[in-house]
PDB file of N, CA and C in Angstrom:
ATOM      1  N   MET A   1       6.262 -11.216  -9.539  1.00  0.00           N
ATOM      2  CA  MET A   1       5.528 -10.080 -10.039  1.00  0.00           C
ATOM      3  C   MET A   1       4.353  -9.731  -9.129  1.00  0.00           C
ATOM      4  N   SER A   2       3.721 -10.763  -8.571  1.00  0.00           N
ATOM      5  CA  SER A   2       2.593 -10.487  -7.681  1.00  0.00           C
ATOM      6  C   SER A   2       3.067  -9.790  -6.407  1.00  0.00           C
ATOM      7  N   TYR A   3       4.294 -10.072  -6.000  1.00  0.00           N
ATOM      8  CA  TYR A   3       4.840  -9.426  -4.807  1.00  0.00           C
ATOM      9  C   TYR A   3       5.015  -7.926  -5.045  1.00  0.00           C
ATOM     10  N   VAL A   4       5.485  -7.553  -6.213  1.00  0.00           N
ATOM     11  CA  VAL A   4       5.675  -6.141  -6.546  1.00  0.00           C
ATOM     12  C   VAL A   4       4.331  -5.438  -6.625  1.00  0.00           C
ATOM     13  N   MET A   5       3.365  -6.071  -7.263  1.00  0.00           N
ATOM     14  CA  MET A   5       2.044  -5.460  -7.392  1.00  0.00           C
ATOM     15  C   MET A   5       1.367  -5.320  -6.035  1.00  0.00           C
ATOM     16  N   SER A   6       1.544  -6.308  -5.172  1.00  0.00           N
ATOM     17  CA  SER A   6       0.945  -6.208  -3.843  1.00  0.00           C
ATOM     18  C   SER A   6       1.638  -5.134  -3.014  1.00  0.00           C
ATOM     19  N   SER A   7       2.929  -4.957  -3.217  1.00  0.00           N
ATOM     20  CA  SER A   7       3.643  -3.903  -2.492  1.00  0.00           C
ATOM     21  C   SER A   7       3.176  -2.516  -2.935  1.00  0.00           C
ATOM     22  N   VAL A   8       2.925  -2.360  -4.225  1.00  0.00           N
ATOM     23  CA  VAL A   8       2.409  -1.082  -4.723  1.00  0.00           C
ATOM     24  C   VAL A   8       1.005  -0.827  -4.182  1.00  0.00           C
ATOM     25  N   ALA A   9       0.160  -1.860  -4.205  1.00  0.00           N
ATOM     26  CA  ALA A   9      -1.195  -1.719  -3.673  1.00  0.00           C
ATOM     27  C   ALA A   9      -1.150  -1.424  -2.175  1.00  0.00           C
ATOM     28  N   PHE A  10      -0.229  -2.056  -1.469  1.00  0.00           N
ATOM     29  CA  PHE A  10      -0.066  -1.793  -0.044  1.00  0.00           C
ATOM     30  C   PHE A  10       0.304  -0.336   0.198  1.00  0.00           C
ATOM     31  N   GLY A  11       1.223   0.180  -0.611  1.00  0.00           N
ATOM     32  CA  GLY A  11       1.631   1.577  -0.465  1.00  0.00           C
ATOM     33  C   GLY A  11       0.483   2.535  -0.699  1.00  0.00           C
ATOM     34  N   VAL A  12      -0.313   2.254  -1.715  1.00  0.00           N
ATOM     35  CA  VAL A  12      -1.465   3.116  -2.011  1.00  0.00           C
ATOM     36  C   VAL A  12      -2.475   3.064  -0.875  1.00  0.00           C
ATOM     37  N   LEU A  13      -2.786   1.871  -0.382  1.00  0.00           N
ATOM     38  CA  LEU A  13      -3.729   1.753   0.734  1.00  0.00           C
ATOM     39  C   LEU A  13      -3.203   2.420   1.990  1.00  0.00           C
ATOM     40  N   LEU A  14      -1.923   2.275   2.248  1.00  0.00           N
ATOM     41  CA  LEU A  14      -1.341   2.866   3.446  1.00  0.00           C
ATOM     42  C   LEU A  14      -1.371   4.391   3.375  1.00  0.00           C
ATOM     43  N   ILE A  15      -1.001   4.947   2.234  1.00  0.00           N
ATOM     44  CA  ILE A  15      -1.025   6.400   2.079  1.00  0.00           C
ATOM     45  C   ILE A  15      -2.455   6.924   2.173  1.00  0.00           C
ATOM     46  N   SER A  16      -3.404   6.210   1.561  1.00  0.00           N
ATOM     47  CA  SER A  16      -4.810   6.620   1.642  1.00  0.00           C
ATOM     48  C   SER A  16      -5.304   6.567   3.087  1.00  0.00           C
ATOM     49  N   GLY A  17      -4.951   5.503   3.786  1.00  0.00           N
ATOM     50  CA  GLY A  17      -5.374   5.373   5.180  1.00  0.00           C
ATOM     51  C   GLY A  17      -4.783   6.447   6.068  1.00  0.00           C
ATOM     52  N   ILE A  18      -3.515   6.761   5.861  1.00  0.00           N
ATOM     53  CA  ILE A  18      -2.881   7.811   6.658  1.00  0.00           C
ATOM     54  C   ILE A  18      -3.522   9.159   6.360  1.00  0.00           C
ATOM     55  N   ALA A  19      -3.803   9.419   5.082  1.00  0.00           N
ATOM     56  CA  ALA A  19      -4.438  10.687   4.715  1.00  0.00           C
ATOM     57  C   ALA A  19      -5.817  10.804   5.356  1.00  0.00           C
ATOM     58  N   LEU A  20      -6.601   9.728   5.321  1.00  0.00           N
ATOM     59  CA  LEU A  20      -7.920   9.762   5.950  1.00  0.00           C
ATOM     60  C   LEU A  20      -7.809   9.917   7.469  1.00  0.00           C
ATOM     61  N   GLY A  21      -6.841   9.226   8.060  1.00  0.00           N
ATOM     62  CA  GLY A  21      -6.658   9.325   9.503  1.00  0.00           C
ATOM     63  C   GLY A  21      -6.249  10.707   9.944  1.00  0.00           C
ATOM     64  N   VAL A  22      -5.373  11.347   9.181  1.00  0.00           N
ATOM     65  CA  VAL A  22      -4.933  12.696   9.521  1.00  0.00           C
ATOM     66  C   VAL A  22      -6.079  13.693   9.367  1.00  0.00           C
ATOM     67  N   MET A  23      -6.960  13.454   8.402  1.00  0.00           N
ATOM     68  CA  MET A  23      -8.101  14.356   8.194  1.00  0.00           C
ATOM     69  C   MET A  23      -9.180  14.161   9.248  1.00  0.00           C
ATOM     70  N   GLY A  24      -9.026  13.180  10.112  1.00  0.00           N
ATOM     71  CA  GLY A  24      -9.954  13.014  11.221  1.00  0.00           C
ATOM     72  C   GLY A  24     -10.915  11.850  11.081  1.00  0.00           C
ATOM     73  N   ASN A  25     -10.764  11.055  10.052  1.00  0.00           N
ATOM     74  CA  ASN A  25     -11.644   9.911   9.854  1.00  0.00           C
ATOM     75  C   ASN A  25     -10.993   8.677  10.481  1.00  0.00           C
ATOM     76  N   PRO A  26     -11.597   8.121  11.529  1.00  0.00           N
ATOM     77  CA  PRO A  26     -10.970   6.966  12.181  1.00  0.00           C
ATOM     78  C   PRO A  26     -10.937   5.722  11.301  1.00  0.00           C
ATOM     79  N   ALA A  27     -11.747   5.668  10.268  1.00  0.00           N
ATOM     80  CA  ALA A  27     -11.727   4.523   9.359  1.00  0.00           C
ATOM     81  C   ALA A  27     -10.402   4.457   8.595  1.00  0.00           C
ATOM     82  N   GLY A  28      -9.704   5.575   8.474  1.00  0.00           N
ATOM     83  CA  GLY A  28      -8.408   5.583   7.806  1.00  0.00           C
ATOM     84  C   GLY A  28      -7.389   4.739   8.530  1.00  0.00           C
ATOM     85  N   TRP A  29      -7.408   4.789   9.858  1.00  0.00           N
ATOM     86  CA  TRP A  29      -6.456   3.980  10.625  1.00  0.00           C
ATOM     87  C   TRP A  29      -6.814   2.505  10.527  1.00  0.00           C
ATOM     88  N   ILE A  30      -8.117   2.208  10.443  1.00  0.00           N
ATOM     89  CA  ILE A  30      -8.538   0.817  10.260  1.00  0.00           C
ATOM     90  C   ILE A  30      -8.072   0.321   8.893  1.00  0.00           C
ATOM     91  N   LEU A  31      -8.145   1.181   7.880  1.00  0.00           N
ATOM     92  CA  LEU A  31      -7.662   0.835   6.550  1.00  0.00           C
ATOM     93  C   LEU A  31      -6.172   0.529   6.579  1.00  0.00           C
ATOM     94  N   CYS A  32      -5.416   1.275   7.363  1.00  0.00           N
ATOM     95  CA  CYS A  32      -3.979   1.008   7.501  1.00  0.00           C
ATOM     96  C   CYS A  32      -3.730  -0.367   8.114  1.00  0.00           C
ATOM     97  N   VAL A  33      -4.475  -0.708   9.134  1.00  0.00           N
ATOM     98  CA  VAL A  33      -4.312  -2.005   9.797  1.00  0.00           C
ATOM     99  C   VAL A  33      -4.677  -3.143   8.846  1.00  0.00           C
ATOM    100  N   VAL A  34      -5.756  -2.972   8.094  1.00  0.00           N
ATOM    101  CA  VAL A  34      -6.173  -3.995   7.136  1.00  0.00           C
ATOM    102  C   VAL A  34      -5.125  -4.154   6.042  1.00  0.00           C
ATOM    103  N   ALA A  35      -4.581  -3.051   5.552  1.00  0.00           N
ATOM    104  CA  ALA A  35      -3.564  -3.108   4.502  1.00  0.00           C
ATOM    105  C   ALA A  35      -2.323  -3.851   5.000  1.00  0.00           C
ATOM    106  N   VAL A  36      -1.887  -3.554   6.212  1.00  0.00           N
ATOM    107  CA  VAL A  36      -0.711  -4.227   6.770  1.00  0.00           C
ATOM    108  C   VAL A  36      -0.985  -5.719   6.960  1.00  0.00           C
ATOM    109  N   ALA A  37      -2.178  -6.063   7.424  1.00  0.00           N
ATOM    110  CA  ALA A  37      -2.517  -7.476   7.626  1.00  0.00           C
ATOM    111  C   ALA A  37      -2.544  -8.230   6.299  1.00  0.00           C
ATOM    112  N   LEU A  38      -3.135  -7.645   5.275  1.00  0.00           N
ATOM    113  CA  LEU A  38      -3.189  -8.303   3.968  1.00  0.00           C
ATOM    114  C   LEU A  38      -1.801  -8.471   3.370  1.00  0.00           C
ATOM    115  N   TRP A  39      -0.993  -7.428   3.452  1.00  0.00           N
ATOM    116  CA  TRP A  39       0.335  -7.491   2.862  1.00  0.00           C
ATOM    117  C   TRP A  39       1.220  -8.496   3.597  1.00  0.00           C
ATOM    118  N   SER A  40       1.160  -8.500   4.914  1.00  0.00           N
ATOM    119  CA  SER A  40       1.995  -9.437   5.663  1.00  0.00           C
ATOM    120  C   SER A  40       1.527 -10.877   5.442  1.00  0.00           C
ATOM    121  N   GLY A  41       0.218 -11.093   5.284  1.00  0.00           N
ATOM    122  CA  GLY A  41      -0.281 -12.428   4.973  1.00  0.00           C
ATOM    123  C   GLY A  41       0.227 -12.910   3.623  1.00  0.00           C
ATOM    124  N   LEU A  42       0.202 -12.044   2.627  1.00  0.00           N
ATOM    125  CA  LEU A  42       0.710 -12.412   1.313  1.00  0.00           C
ATOM    126  C   LEU A  42       2.213 -12.641   1.364  1.00  0.00           C
ATOM    127  N   HIS A  43       2.917 -11.818   2.101  1.00  0.00           N
ATOM    128  CA  HIS A  43       4.363 -11.967   2.229  1.00  0.00           C
ATOM    129  C   HIS A  43       4.720 -13.322   2.846  1.00  0.00           C
ATOM    130  N   LEU A  44       4.033 -13.694   3.917  1.00  0.00           N
ATOM    131  CA  LEU A  44       4.309 -14.976   4.563  1.00  0.00           C
ATOM    132  C   LEU A  44       3.935 -16.143   3.659  1.00  0.00           C
ATOM    133  N   THR A  45       2.826 -16.018   2.926  1.00  0.00           N
ATOM    134  CA  THR A  45       2.415 -17.079   2.011  1.00  0.00           C
ATOM    135  C   THR A  45       3.457 -17.293   0.927  1.00  0.00           C
ATOM    136  N   LEU A  46       3.921 -16.222   0.326  1.00  0.00           N
ATOM    137  CA  LEU A  46       4.937 -16.342  -0.721  1.00  0.00           C
ATOM    138  C   LEU A  46       6.255 -16.866  -0.172  1.00  0.00           C
ATOM    139  N   LYS A  47       6.607 -16.443   1.033  1.00  0.00           N
ATOM    140  CA  LYS A  47       7.865 -16.875   1.645  1.00  0.00           C
ATOM    141  C   LYS A  47       7.859 -18.393   1.880  1.00  0.00           C
ATOM    142  N   TYR A  48       6.784 -18.916   2.475  1.00  0.00           N
ATOM    143  CA  TYR A  48       6.744 -20.332   2.777  1.00  0.00           C
ATOM    144  C   TYR A  48       6.478 -21.173   1.532  1.00  0.00           C
ATOM    145  N   THR A  49       5.818 -20.612   0.527  1.00  0.00           N
ATOM    146  CA  THR A  49       5.617 -21.336  -0.724  1.00  0.00           C
ATOM    147  C   THR A  49       6.938 -21.499  -1.450  1.00  0.00           C
ATOM    148  N   ARG A  50       7.758 -20.474  -1.451  1.00  0.00           N
ATOM    149  CA  ARG A  50       9.063 -20.558  -2.105  1.00  0.00           C
ATOM    150  C   ARG A  50       9.973 -21.545  -1.375  1.00  0.00           C
ATOM    151  N   GLN A  51       9.895 -21.600  -0.065  1.00  0.00           N
ATOM    152  CA  GLN A  51      10.738 -22.506   0.693  1.00  0.00           C
ATOM    153  C   GLN A  51      10.318 -23.961   0.496  1.00  0.00           C
ATOM    154  N   ALA A  52       9.047 -24.199   0.241  1.00  0.00           N
ATOM    155  CA  ALA A  52       8.533 -25.556   0.115  1.00  0.00           C
ATOM    156  C   ALA A  52       8.872 -26.155  -1.256  1.00  0.00           C
ATOM    157  N   GLN A  53       9.166 -25.328  -2.227  1.00  0.00           N
ATOM    158  CA  GLN A  53       9.478 -25.834  -3.558  1.00  0.00           C
ATOM    159  C   GLN A  53      10.956 -26.205  -3.644  1.00  0.00           C
ATOM    160  N   PRO A  54      11.250 -27.315  -4.314  1.00  0.00           N
ATOM    161  CA  PRO A  54      12.659 -27.742  -4.418  1.00  0.00           C
ATOM    162  C   PRO A  54      13.450 -26.897  -5.397  1.00  0.00           C
TER     163      PRO A  54
END
């Protein structure tokens, strides 16, 4: 369930960042990079946690 919620939050952050970037605010692109980094970190954490459990 946390994976689904994080994916939705990632989508919202990514769309917000793209919208800000297109409007000319460079912080929007930074928001996109941060969103991708957070989501990929959570994805890797969940992936290796599931593999470690018997």
